[in-house]
Amino acid sequence: MKTEKQELERYREDTEYYERNRESLVRDHPNEWVAILNQKVVGASADLDELLDDLEHKQIPLGEALIEYLGAEEELLILGEE
């Protein structure tokens, strides 16, 4: 059984993997949700519920996988004063 520290380290590594590979992930999975675990894509779907069902079928705990949406266009958030 992994310790909390080991789980946090794995999650950090998965997040870094996502950030390093975002461009190729978007190219391979445009407008899809992807699940990453242990620095590899373990599932992808345009429908989040379908992805979650697939992960459960593969017996991947939902709380362990990094799940991100890969929009084909970069989202831009502009904060302004009202």
Protein backbone atom coordinates (compact mmCIF):
# COMPACT_ATOMS: atom_id res chain seq x y z
CA MET A 1 0.00 0.00 0.00
CA LYS A 2 1.34 3.41 -0.99
CA THR A 3 1.73 6.17 1.55
CA GLU A 4 0.05 9.53 1.17
CA LYS A 5 3.42 11.06 0.33
CA GLN A 6 3.97 8.50 -2.45
CA GLU A 7 0.50 9.17 -3.85
CA LEU A 8 1.11 12.93 -3.86
CA GLU A 9 4.45 12.40 -5.62
CA ARG A 10 2.80 10.21 -8.28
CA TYR A 11 0.08 12.83 -8.81
CA ARG A 12 2.74 15.55 -9.17
CA GLU A 13 4.58 13.43 -11.74
CA ASP A 14 1.34 12.83 -13.66
CA THR A 15 0.61 16.56 -13.65
CA GLU A 16 4.10 17.32 -14.95
CA TYR A 17 3.64 14.65 -17.65
CA TYR A 18 0.37 16.32 -18.68
CA GLU A 19 1.96 19.76 -18.84
CA ARG A 20 5.01 18.53 -20.82
CA ASN A 21 2.88 16.59 -23.30
CA ARG A 22 -0.23 18.75 -23.54
CA GLU A 23 0.36 19.71 -27.17
CA SER A 24 0.64 16.11 -28.37
CA LEU A 25 -2.23 15.03 -26.11
CA VAL A 26 -4.49 17.68 -27.68
CA ARG A 27 -3.40 16.53 -31.13
CA ASP A 28 -4.20 12.88 -30.27
CA HIS A 29 -7.36 13.55 -28.22
CA PRO A 30 -8.92 16.87 -29.38
CA ASN A 31 -12.02 17.87 -27.44
CA GLU A 32 -11.81 14.80 -25.22
CA TRP A 33 -11.41 14.06 -21.56
CA VAL A 34 -8.25 12.10 -20.79
CA ALA A 35 -7.23 10.15 -17.72
CA ILE A 36 -3.53 9.92 -16.88
CA LEU A 37 -2.05 7.51 -14.38
CA ASN A 38 1.63 6.71 -13.87
CA GLN A 39 2.55 9.09 -16.69
CA LYS A 40 0.46 7.43 -19.38
CA VAL A 41 -3.01 7.89 -20.82
CA VAL A 42 -5.26 5.18 -19.38
CA GLY A 43 -8.51 6.39 -20.95
CA ALA A 44 -10.01 9.04 -23.20
CA SER A 45 -13.52 10.00 -24.31
CA ALA A 46 -15.48 13.01 -25.51
CA ASP A 47 -18.02 12.13 -22.81
CA LEU A 48 -16.87 12.44 -19.19
CA ASP A 49 -19.38 9.88 -17.87
CA GLU A 50 -18.19 7.39 -20.49
CA LEU A 51 -14.58 7.94 -19.43
CA LEU A 52 -15.45 7.46 -15.76
CA ASP A 53 -17.34 4.25 -16.58
CA ASP A 54 -14.34 3.01 -18.59
CA LEU A 55 -11.98 3.71 -15.69
CA GLU A 56 -14.26 1.84 -13.29
CA HIS A 57 -14.41 -1.08 -15.75
CA LYS A 58 -10.58 -1.09 -15.83
CA GLN A 59 -10.64 -1.00 -12.00
CA ILE A 60 -8.75 2.30 -11.91
CA PRO A 61 -9.77 4.24 -8.78
CA LEU A 62 -11.26 7.55 -9.91
CA GLY A 63 -9.42 9.46 -7.21
CA GLU A 64 -6.03 8.28 -8.45
CA ALA A 65 -6.15 9.30 -12.12
CA LEU A 66 -5.50 12.85 -13.28
CA ILE A 67 -8.49 13.77 -15.45
CA GLU A 68 -8.27 16.76 -17.81
CA TYR A 69 -10.30 18.12 -20.72
CA LEU A 70 -8.30 18.73 -23.89
CA GLY A 71 -10.05 21.47 -25.82
CA ALA A 72 -8.80 21.83 -29.38
CA GLU A 73 -8.45 25.56 -28.83
CA GLU A 74 -6.51 27.07 -25.96
CA GLU A 75 -8.85 28.63 -23.43
CA LEU A 76 -8.14 32.22 -22.52
CA LEU A 77 -9.29 33.59 -19.20
CA ILE A 78 -9.33 37.35 -18.89
CA LEU A 79 -9.88 38.88 -15.48
CA GLY A 80 -11.09 42.43 -15.36
CA GLU A 81 -12.44 44.98 -12.99
CA GLU A 82 -16.12 45.87 -12.98
